[in-house]
């Protein structure tokens, strides 16, 4: 196994271990309840909280640059932003810095993938509060800040379900 791959595997194992232990005693976010708070700074320096998204439908995706499922979901998220952004949809990418994803690497990834929505690096507290494991983990939050849906992974079925949920929430 090459060094880069081994580093990713060890980082992922550490990430899962760190999240599993505290999550055992932490309440999991439940559909229909307020989304856990976030307070992040985007890669462009903008401070963001959930309050910034009140009145909008918010899709948050926890991702890593090396995650194949995350790469698979990107074209869909970019298209959703183009299609529904003017109708009240907001998308926020959240990177936990796992596997060596530091700020320069994430910025490069944003440029290369032509990501058209804000991205922020997040700390362990947000990962624990959202019970993120594994990635990609996608959360849909309504205009009032209520957690509506959580998806783990990415597939055509998730893509269709997300779009249906988003259309329904935008119409409300």
N, C-alpha and C. Protein backbone atom coordinates (compact mmCIF):
# COMPACT_ATOMS: atom_id res chain seq x y z
N UNK A 1 0.86 -1.17 0.00
CA UNK A 1 0.00 0.00 0.00
C UNK A 1 0.90 1.24 0.00
N UNK A 2 0.65 2.19 -0.91
CA UNK A 2 1.50 3.37 -0.95
C UNK A 2 1.20 4.29 0.24
N UNK A 3 2.14 5.19 0.52
CA UNK A 3 2.06 6.06 1.69
C UNK A 3 0.79 6.90 1.70
N UNK A 4 0.44 7.47 0.55
CA UNK A 4 -0.74 8.33 0.46
C UNK A 4 -2.02 7.56 0.81
N UNK A 5 -2.14 6.37 0.26
CA UNK A 5 -3.33 5.55 0.54
C UNK A 5 -3.35 5.13 2.01
N UNK A 6 -2.20 4.74 2.54
CA UNK A 6 -2.13 4.34 3.94
C UNK A 6 -2.51 5.51 4.84
N UNK A 7 -2.07 6.70 4.51
CA UNK A 7 -2.41 7.89 5.29
C UNK A 7 -3.93 8.11 5.30
N UNK A 8 -4.56 7.93 4.14
CA UNK A 8 -6.01 8.10 4.05
C UNK A 8 -6.74 7.05 4.89
N UNK A 9 -6.29 5.81 4.82
CA UNK A 9 -6.93 4.73 5.58
C UNK A 9 -6.79 4.98 7.07
N UNK A 10 -5.59 5.35 7.51
CA UNK A 10 -5.37 5.61 8.94
C UNK A 10 -6.16 6.83 9.41
N UNK A 11 -6.22 7.87 8.56
CA UNK A 11 -7.00 9.06 8.92
C UNK A 11 -8.47 8.73 9.05
N UNK A 12 -8.97 7.92 8.12
CA UNK A 12 -10.38 7.54 8.17
C UNK A 12 -10.67 6.70 9.41
N UNK A 13 -9.78 5.78 9.73
CA UNK A 13 -9.96 4.95 10.94
C UNK A 13 -9.97 5.83 12.18
N UNK A 14 -9.07 6.79 12.24
CA UNK A 14 -9.03 7.71 13.38
C UNK A 14 -10.32 8.53 13.44
N UNK A 15 -10.75 9.04 12.29
CA UNK A 15 -11.96 9.84 12.18
C UNK A 15 -13.17 9.07 12.72
N UNK A 16 -13.30 7.82 12.31
CA UNK A 16 -14.42 6.99 12.76
C UNK A 16 -14.33 6.73 14.26
N UNK A 17 -13.14 6.46 14.75
CA UNK A 17 -12.95 6.22 16.18
C UNK A 17 -13.31 7.46 16.99
N UNK A 18 -12.82 8.61 16.56
CA UNK A 18 -13.10 9.86 17.27
C UNK A 18 -14.60 10.12 17.32
N UNK A 19 -15.27 9.85 16.23
CA UNK A 19 -16.70 10.13 16.17
C UNK A 19 -17.53 9.10 16.94
N UNK A 20 -17.13 7.87 16.93
CA UNK A 20 -17.93 6.81 17.53
C UNK A 20 -18.01 6.94 19.04
N UNK A 21 -16.91 7.19 19.69
CA UNK A 21 -16.91 7.22 21.16
C UNK A 21 -17.81 8.32 21.72
N UNK A 22 -17.61 9.60 21.32
CA UNK A 22 -18.50 10.62 21.88
C UNK A 22 -19.94 10.48 21.42
N UNK A 23 -20.14 9.96 20.23
CA UNK A 23 -21.51 9.87 19.68
C UNK A 23 -22.36 8.90 20.49
N UNK A 24 -21.74 7.97 21.18
CA UNK A 24 -22.51 7.01 21.95
C UNK A 24 -23.34 7.70 23.03
N UNK A 25 -22.82 8.80 23.57
CA UNK A 25 -23.55 9.49 24.63
C UNK A 25 -24.21 10.77 24.14
N UNK A 26 -24.11 11.05 22.87
CA UNK A 26 -24.64 12.29 22.31
C UNK A 26 -25.94 12.01 21.56
N UNK A 27 -26.90 12.89 21.72
CA UNK A 27 -28.18 12.72 21.03
C UNK A 27 -27.99 12.88 19.53
N UNK A 28 -28.53 11.95 18.79
CA UNK A 28 -28.45 12.01 17.34
C UNK A 28 -29.45 13.03 16.82
N UNK A 29 -29.09 13.77 15.77
CA UNK A 29 -30.06 14.70 15.20
C UNK A 29 -31.24 13.93 14.61
N UNK A 30 -32.41 14.35 14.93
CA UNK A 30 -33.62 13.65 14.50
C UNK A 30 -34.38 14.48 13.46
N UNK A 31 -34.91 13.79 12.46
CA UNK A 31 -35.77 14.45 11.49
C UNK A 31 -36.93 15.10 12.23
N UNK A 32 -37.26 16.31 11.83
CA UNK A 32 -38.38 17.02 12.45
C UNK A 32 -37.97 17.87 13.63
N UNK A 33 -36.72 17.81 14.05
CA UNK A 33 -36.25 18.65 15.15
C UNK A 33 -35.28 19.69 14.61
N UNK A 34 -35.03 20.75 15.38
CA UNK A 34 -34.11 21.78 14.89
C UNK A 34 -32.74 21.19 14.55
N UNK A 35 -32.17 21.66 13.46
CA UNK A 35 -30.84 21.21 13.06
C UNK A 35 -29.82 21.69 14.08
N UNK A 36 -28.83 20.88 14.40
CA UNK A 36 -27.78 21.33 15.32
C UNK A 36 -27.09 22.59 14.79
N UNK A 37 -26.65 23.42 15.70
CA UNK A 37 -26.00 24.68 15.34
C UNK A 37 -24.71 24.44 14.58
N UNK A 38 -24.40 25.36 13.71
CA UNK A 38 -23.10 25.37 13.05
C UNK A 38 -22.55 26.79 13.14
N UNK A 39 -21.25 26.88 13.22
CA UNK A 39 -20.56 28.17 13.19
C UNK A 39 -19.23 27.89 12.52
N UNK A 40 -19.13 28.28 11.24
CA UNK A 40 -17.96 27.97 10.43
C UNK A 40 -17.51 29.21 9.68
N UNK A 41 -16.33 29.11 9.12
CA UNK A 41 -15.80 30.15 8.23
C UNK A 41 -15.52 29.47 6.90
N UNK A 42 -16.06 30.02 5.83
CA UNK A 42 -15.88 29.42 4.52
C UNK A 42 -14.44 29.62 4.04
N UNK A 43 -14.10 28.91 2.99
CA UNK A 43 -12.75 29.02 2.43
C UNK A 43 -12.47 30.42 1.90
N UNK A 44 -13.51 31.20 1.68
CA UNK A 44 -13.32 32.59 1.23
C UNK A 44 -13.36 33.58 2.40
N UNK A 45 -13.48 33.06 3.63
CA UNK A 45 -13.42 33.92 4.81
C UNK A 45 -14.75 34.39 5.36
N UNK A 46 -15.87 33.93 4.81
CA UNK A 46 -17.19 34.35 5.27
C UNK A 46 -17.60 33.54 6.50
N UNK A 47 -18.04 34.22 7.56
CA UNK A 47 -18.55 33.54 8.75
C UNK A 47 -19.99 33.12 8.50
N UNK A 48 -20.29 31.85 8.83
CA UNK A 48 -21.60 31.28 8.53
C UNK A 48 -22.16 30.57 9.76
N UNK A 49 -23.44 30.81 10.02
CA UNK A 49 -24.20 30.05 11.02
C UNK A 49 -25.50 29.61 10.36
N UNK A 50 -26.25 28.77 11.05
CA UNK A 50 -27.55 28.37 10.49
C UNK A 50 -28.49 29.56 10.34
N UNK A 51 -28.33 30.56 11.17
CA UNK A 51 -29.19 31.75 11.08
C UNK A 51 -29.05 32.43 9.71
N UNK A 52 -27.87 32.31 9.08
CA UNK A 52 -27.68 32.87 7.74
C UNK A 52 -28.62 32.24 6.72
N UNK A 53 -29.11 31.05 7.01
CA UNK A 53 -29.91 30.30 6.05
C UNK A 53 -31.40 30.28 6.39
N UNK A 54 -31.82 31.01 7.41
CA UNK A 54 -33.25 31.10 7.71
C UNK A 54 -33.98 31.66 6.49
N UNK A 55 -35.09 31.05 6.14
CA UNK A 55 -35.85 31.48 4.98
C UNK A 55 -35.40 30.80 3.68
N UNK A 56 -34.37 29.97 3.78
CA UNK A 56 -33.87 29.22 2.62
C UNK A 56 -33.94 27.72 2.93
N UNK A 57 -34.01 26.93 1.89
CA UNK A 57 -33.83 25.49 2.03
C UNK A 57 -32.32 25.27 1.93
N UNK A 58 -31.76 24.55 2.88
CA UNK A 58 -30.31 24.35 2.94
C UNK A 58 -29.96 22.88 2.75
N UNK A 59 -29.04 22.64 1.84
CA UNK A 59 -28.45 21.31 1.68
C UNK A 59 -27.01 21.42 2.16
N UNK A 60 -26.66 20.62 3.16
CA UNK A 60 -25.29 20.58 3.66
C UNK A 60 -24.71 19.21 3.35
N UNK A 61 -23.52 19.22 2.75
CA UNK A 61 -22.85 17.95 2.49
C UNK A 61 -21.50 17.95 3.19
N UNK A 62 -21.29 16.91 4.01
CA UNK A 62 -19.99 16.66 4.61
C UNK A 62 -19.23 15.78 3.62
N UNK A 63 -18.03 16.23 3.21
CA UNK A 63 -17.30 15.54 2.16
C UNK A 63 -15.80 15.62 2.42
N UNK A 64 -15.05 14.84 1.66
CA UNK A 64 -13.60 14.92 1.64
C UNK A 64 -13.15 14.88 0.18
N UNK A 65 -12.02 15.47 -0.11
CA UNK A 65 -11.55 15.56 -1.49
C UNK A 65 -11.22 14.19 -2.08
N UNK A 66 -10.85 13.23 -1.25
CA UNK A 66 -10.44 11.91 -1.71
C UNK A 66 -11.59 10.90 -1.74
N UNK A 67 -12.77 11.30 -1.33
CA UNK A 67 -13.93 10.42 -1.21
C UNK A 67 -14.63 10.27 -2.57
N UNK A 68 -14.66 9.04 -3.09
CA UNK A 68 -15.29 8.79 -4.39
C UNK A 68 -16.78 9.12 -4.39
N UNK A 69 -17.50 8.73 -3.35
CA UNK A 69 -18.93 9.03 -3.28
C UNK A 69 -19.18 10.54 -3.24
N UNK A 70 -18.28 11.25 -2.58
CA UNK A 70 -18.39 12.71 -2.52
C UNK A 70 -18.19 13.31 -3.91
N UNK A 71 -17.23 12.79 -4.64
CA UNK A 71 -16.99 13.26 -6.01
C UNK A 71 -18.19 12.95 -6.90
N UNK A 72 -18.83 11.81 -6.65
CA UNK A 72 -20.01 11.43 -7.44
C UNK A 72 -21.17 12.40 -7.19
N UNK A 73 -21.30 12.90 -5.97
CA UNK A 73 -22.43 13.78 -5.64
C UNK A 73 -22.24 15.21 -6.13
N UNK A 74 -21.00 15.61 -6.37
CA UNK A 74 -20.72 17.01 -6.73
C UNK A 74 -21.47 17.51 -7.95
N UNK A 75 -21.47 16.81 -9.07
CA UNK A 75 -22.21 17.33 -10.23
C UNK A 75 -23.70 17.57 -9.91
N UNK A 76 -24.26 16.71 -9.08
CA UNK A 76 -25.66 16.87 -8.70
C UNK A 76 -25.84 18.12 -7.85
N UNK A 77 -24.98 18.33 -6.87
CA UNK A 77 -25.09 19.51 -6.02
C UNK A 77 -24.88 20.79 -6.83
N UNK A 78 -23.93 20.78 -7.73
CA UNK A 78 -23.68 21.95 -8.58
C UNK A 78 -24.90 22.24 -9.45
N UNK A 79 -25.50 21.18 -10.00
CA UNK A 79 -26.70 21.36 -10.83
C UNK A 79 -27.88 21.86 -9.99
N UNK A 80 -28.05 21.30 -8.79
CA UNK A 80 -29.12 21.77 -7.91
C UNK A 80 -28.97 23.25 -7.62
N UNK A 81 -27.76 23.68 -7.35
CA UNK A 81 -27.51 25.08 -7.06
C UNK A 81 -27.86 25.96 -8.25
N UNK A 82 -27.48 25.52 -9.45
CA UNK A 82 -27.81 26.29 -10.66
C UNK A 82 -29.32 26.32 -10.91
N UNK A 83 -29.97 25.19 -10.70
CA UNK A 83 -31.39 25.07 -11.01
C UNK A 83 -32.29 25.76 -9.99
N UNK A 84 -31.99 25.60 -8.70
CA UNK A 84 -32.90 26.07 -7.65
C UNK A 84 -32.35 27.20 -6.80
N UNK A 85 -31.14 27.64 -7.07
CA UNK A 85 -30.53 28.70 -6.25
C UNK A 85 -31.34 29.99 -6.22
N UNK A 86 -31.91 30.36 -7.34
CA UNK A 86 -32.71 31.59 -7.40
C UNK A 86 -34.09 31.41 -6.81
N UNK A 87 -34.47 30.15 -6.52
CA UNK A 87 -35.77 29.86 -5.92
C UNK A 87 -35.70 29.71 -4.40
N UNK A 88 -34.50 29.85 -3.84
CA UNK A 88 -34.38 29.78 -2.39
C UNK A 88 -33.58 28.61 -1.87
N UNK A 89 -32.88 27.89 -2.73
CA UNK A 89 -32.03 26.79 -2.27
C UNK A 89 -30.62 27.32 -2.02
N UNK A 90 -30.02 26.89 -0.92
CA UNK A 90 -28.63 27.19 -0.61
C UNK A 90 -27.92 25.86 -0.36
N UNK A 91 -26.66 25.79 -0.77
CA UNK A 91 -25.87 24.59 -0.55
C UNK A 91 -24.60 25.00 0.19
N UNK A 92 -24.20 24.17 1.14
CA UNK A 92 -22.99 24.42 1.92
C UNK A 92 -22.19 23.12 2.00
N UNK A 93 -20.96 23.15 1.53
CA UNK A 93 -20.07 22.01 1.64
C UNK A 93 -19.27 22.11 2.92
N UNK A 94 -19.16 21.01 3.64
CA UNK A 94 -18.42 20.99 4.91
C UNK A 94 -17.37 19.89 4.86
N UNK A 95 -16.13 20.28 5.03
CA UNK A 95 -15.01 19.35 4.94
C UNK A 95 -14.38 19.18 6.31
N UNK A 96 -14.32 17.94 6.82
CA UNK A 96 -13.76 17.71 8.15
C UNK A 96 -12.24 17.66 8.20
N UNK A 97 -11.57 17.86 7.08
CA UNK A 97 -10.11 17.85 7.09
C UNK A 97 -9.51 16.46 7.25
N UNK A 98 -10.29 15.42 7.02
CA UNK A 98 -9.81 14.05 7.16
C UNK A 98 -8.91 13.69 5.98
N UNK A 99 -7.90 12.90 6.22
CA UNK A 99 -7.04 12.42 5.15
C UNK A 99 -6.15 13.50 4.56
N UNK A 100 -5.84 14.51 5.35
CA UNK A 100 -4.94 15.56 4.87
C UNK A 100 -5.61 16.67 4.11
N UNK A 101 -6.92 16.80 4.21
CA UNK A 101 -7.63 17.88 3.53
C UNK A 101 -7.43 19.18 4.30
N UNK A 102 -6.35 19.88 4.00
CA UNK A 102 -6.11 21.18 4.61
C UNK A 102 -6.70 22.27 3.71
N UNK A 103 -6.65 23.50 4.16
CA UNK A 103 -7.27 24.60 3.43
C UNK A 103 -6.74 24.73 1.99
N UNK A 104 -5.43 24.70 1.75
CA UNK A 104 -4.97 24.80 0.36
C UNK A 104 -5.48 23.66 -0.53
N UNK A 105 -5.52 22.45 0.00
CA UNK A 105 -6.00 21.31 -0.80
C UNK A 105 -7.49 21.48 -1.11
N UNK A 106 -8.28 21.93 -0.13
CA UNK A 106 -9.72 22.12 -0.34
C UNK A 106 -9.96 23.25 -1.35
N UNK A 107 -9.21 24.34 -1.24
CA UNK A 107 -9.36 25.43 -2.21
C UNK A 107 -9.04 24.96 -3.63
N UNK A 108 -7.99 24.16 -3.76
CA UNK A 108 -7.62 23.62 -5.08
C UNK A 108 -8.74 22.73 -5.61
N UNK A 109 -9.30 21.90 -4.75
CA UNK A 109 -10.41 21.01 -5.12
C UNK A 109 -11.62 21.82 -5.59
N UNK A 110 -11.94 22.89 -4.89
CA UNK A 110 -13.06 23.76 -5.26
C UNK A 110 -12.85 24.31 -6.67
N UNK A 111 -11.64 24.78 -6.95
CA UNK A 111 -11.34 25.32 -8.29
C UNK A 111 -11.42 24.23 -9.35
N UNK A 112 -10.79 23.09 -9.10
CA UNK A 112 -10.75 22.02 -10.09
C UNK A 112 -12.14 21.46 -10.41
N UNK A 113 -12.97 21.32 -9.38
CA UNK A 113 -14.31 20.76 -9.56
C UNK A 113 -15.35 21.82 -9.92
N UNK A 114 -14.94 23.07 -9.92
CA UNK A 114 -15.83 24.19 -10.24
C UNK A 114 -17.06 24.23 -9.33
N UNK A 115 -16.79 24.08 -8.05
CA UNK A 115 -17.86 24.10 -7.05
C UNK A 115 -18.43 25.51 -6.98
N UNK A 116 -19.75 25.61 -7.09
CA UNK A 116 -20.43 26.91 -7.16
C UNK A 116 -21.20 27.25 -5.88
N UNK A 117 -20.75 26.71 -4.76
CA UNK A 117 -21.38 27.00 -3.47
C UNK A 117 -20.28 27.11 -2.41
N UNK A 118 -20.59 27.75 -1.28
CA UNK A 118 -19.56 27.91 -0.24
C UNK A 118 -19.15 26.58 0.38
N UNK A 119 -17.88 26.53 0.79
CA UNK A 119 -17.31 25.36 1.44
C UNK A 119 -16.55 25.84 2.67
N UNK A 120 -16.66 25.07 3.75
CA UNK A 120 -15.94 25.40 4.99
C UNK A 120 -15.30 24.14 5.56
N UNK A 121 -14.17 24.31 6.22
CA UNK A 121 -13.59 23.23 7.00
C UNK A 121 -14.27 23.25 8.37
N UNK A 122 -14.55 22.06 8.90
CA UNK A 122 -15.29 21.98 10.16
C UNK A 122 -14.49 21.22 11.22
N UNK A 123 -14.87 21.47 12.46
CA UNK A 123 -14.21 20.79 13.57
C UNK A 123 -15.00 19.57 14.02
N UNK A 124 -14.41 18.82 14.94
CA UNK A 124 -15.04 17.59 15.42
C UNK A 124 -16.40 17.81 16.07
N UNK A 125 -16.60 18.97 16.71
CA UNK A 125 -17.88 19.22 17.39
C UNK A 125 -19.05 19.16 16.41
N UNK A 126 -18.89 19.76 15.25
CA UNK A 126 -19.96 19.74 14.25
C UNK A 126 -20.18 18.32 13.74
N UNK A 127 -19.10 17.59 13.52
CA UNK A 127 -19.22 16.20 13.07
C UNK A 127 -19.97 15.36 14.10
N UNK A 128 -19.67 15.57 15.35
CA UNK A 128 -20.34 14.83 16.43
C UNK A 128 -21.80 15.25 16.52
N UNK A 129 -22.06 16.56 16.48
CA UNK A 129 -23.44 17.05 16.59
C UNK A 129 -24.34 16.54 15.47
N UNK A 130 -23.76 16.34 14.29
CA UNK A 130 -24.52 15.82 13.16
C UNK A 130 -24.37 14.31 12.98
N UNK A 131 -23.59 13.70 13.87
CA UNK A 131 -23.38 12.25 13.82
C UNK A 131 -22.94 11.81 12.42
N UNK A 132 -21.92 12.49 11.91
CA UNK A 132 -21.44 12.24 10.56
C UNK A 132 -20.49 11.05 10.55
N UNK A 133 -20.94 10.01 9.94
CA UNK A 133 -20.13 8.83 9.63
C UNK A 133 -20.97 7.90 8.82
N UNK A 134 -20.59 7.42 7.73
CA UNK A 134 -19.44 7.84 6.93
C UNK A 134 -19.79 9.04 6.07
N UNK A 135 -18.91 9.37 5.15
CA UNK A 135 -19.16 10.45 4.21
C UNK A 135 -19.31 9.86 2.82
N UNK A 136 -19.99 10.51 1.90
CA UNK A 136 -20.66 11.78 2.11
C UNK A 136 -21.91 11.62 2.98
N UNK A 137 -22.15 12.63 3.75
CA UNK A 137 -23.37 12.72 4.55
C UNK A 137 -24.05 14.02 4.14
N UNK A 138 -25.29 13.91 3.71
CA UNK A 138 -26.02 15.06 3.17
C UNK A 138 -27.25 15.30 4.04
N UNK A 139 -27.42 16.55 4.46
CA UNK A 139 -28.54 16.94 5.30
C UNK A 139 -29.35 18.00 4.58
N UNK A 140 -30.68 17.85 4.64
CA UNK A 140 -31.56 18.87 4.09
C UNK A 140 -32.30 19.51 5.25
N UNK A 141 -32.22 20.84 5.31
CA UNK A 141 -32.80 21.62 6.39
C UNK A 141 -33.81 22.60 5.78
N UNK A 142 -34.99 22.69 6.39
CA UNK A 142 -36.03 23.55 5.80
C UNK A 142 -35.81 25.02 6.13
N UNK A 143 -36.73 25.86 5.67
CA UNK A 143 -36.61 27.31 5.80
C UNK A 143 -36.65 27.78 7.25
N UNK A 144 -37.15 26.94 8.14
CA UNK A 144 -37.23 27.29 9.56
C UNK A 144 -36.08 26.71 10.39
N UNK A 145 -35.16 26.01 9.74
CA UNK A 145 -34.02 25.44 10.45
C UNK A 145 -34.26 24.04 11.00
N UNK A 146 -35.28 23.37 10.47
CA UNK A 146 -35.62 22.03 10.93
C UNK A 146 -34.98 20.99 10.01
N UNK A 147 -34.37 19.96 10.61
CA UNK A 147 -33.78 18.88 9.85
C UNK A 147 -34.88 18.04 9.22
N UNK A 148 -34.87 17.96 7.90
CA UNK A 148 -35.91 17.25 7.17
C UNK A 148 -35.44 15.88 6.71
N UNK A 149 -34.19 15.80 6.27
CA UNK A 149 -33.70 14.54 5.69
C UNK A 149 -32.21 14.42 5.87
N UNK A 150 -31.74 13.16 6.00
CA UNK A 150 -30.31 12.86 6.03
C UNK A 150 -30.06 11.70 5.08
N UNK A 151 -29.03 11.85 4.26
CA UNK A 151 -28.63 10.80 3.33
C UNK A 151 -27.17 10.46 3.61
N UNK A 152 -26.85 9.18 3.56
CA UNK A 152 -25.46 8.74 3.68
C UNK A 152 -25.10 8.04 2.39
N UNK A 153 -23.99 8.49 1.78
CA UNK A 153 -23.60 7.97 0.49
C UNK A 153 -24.27 8.76 -0.62
N UNK A 154 -24.15 8.25 -1.83
CA UNK A 154 -24.80 8.90 -2.95
C UNK A 154 -25.12 7.86 -4.01
N UNK A 155 -26.32 7.95 -4.57
CA UNK A 155 -26.79 7.01 -5.58
C UNK A 155 -27.87 7.71 -6.40
N UNK A 156 -28.29 7.11 -7.51
CA UNK A 156 -29.40 7.69 -8.28
C UNK A 156 -30.68 7.81 -7.44
N UNK A 157 -30.92 6.85 -6.54
CA UNK A 157 -32.12 6.92 -5.70
C UNK A 157 -32.03 8.10 -4.73
N UNK A 158 -30.86 8.33 -4.16
CA UNK A 158 -30.67 9.48 -3.26
C UNK A 158 -30.83 10.77 -4.05
N UNK A 159 -30.25 10.81 -5.23
CA UNK A 159 -30.37 11.99 -6.09
C UNK A 159 -31.83 12.34 -6.35
N UNK A 160 -32.63 11.35 -6.71
CA UNK A 160 -34.06 11.58 -6.99
C UNK A 160 -34.81 12.00 -5.74
N UNK A 161 -34.53 11.35 -4.63
CA UNK A 161 -35.20 11.69 -3.37
C UNK A 161 -34.86 13.10 -2.92
N UNK A 162 -33.59 13.47 -3.05
CA UNK A 162 -33.17 14.83 -2.68
C UNK A 162 -33.93 15.87 -3.49
N UNK A 163 -33.97 15.65 -4.78
CA UNK A 163 -34.63 16.64 -5.65
C UNK A 163 -36.11 16.76 -5.31
N UNK A 164 -36.76 15.65 -5.07
CA UNK A 164 -38.18 15.67 -4.71
C UNK A 164 -38.38 16.43 -3.40
N UNK A 165 -37.54 16.16 -2.41
CA UNK A 165 -37.64 16.84 -1.11
C UNK A 165 -37.40 18.33 -1.27
N UNK A 166 -36.39 18.70 -2.04
CA UNK A 166 -36.08 20.11 -2.24
C UNK A 166 -37.24 20.84 -2.92
N UNK A 167 -37.80 20.25 -3.96
CA UNK A 167 -38.93 20.88 -4.65
C UNK A 167 -40.10 21.10 -3.70
N UNK A 168 -40.37 20.10 -2.88
CA UNK A 168 -41.47 20.20 -1.91
C UNK A 168 -41.21 21.33 -0.92
N UNK A 169 -40.00 21.40 -0.39
CA UNK A 169 -39.67 22.43 0.61
C UNK A 169 -39.67 23.84 -0.01
N UNK A 170 -39.20 23.96 -1.23
CA UNK A 170 -39.19 25.28 -1.89
C UNK A 170 -40.61 25.78 -2.14
N UNK A 171 -41.54 24.86 -2.36
CA UNK A 171 -42.93 25.24 -2.63
C UNK A 171 -43.67 25.69 -1.36
N UNK A 172 -43.12 25.41 -0.21
CA UNK A 172 -43.79 25.76 1.06
C UNK A 172 -43.60 27.21 1.42
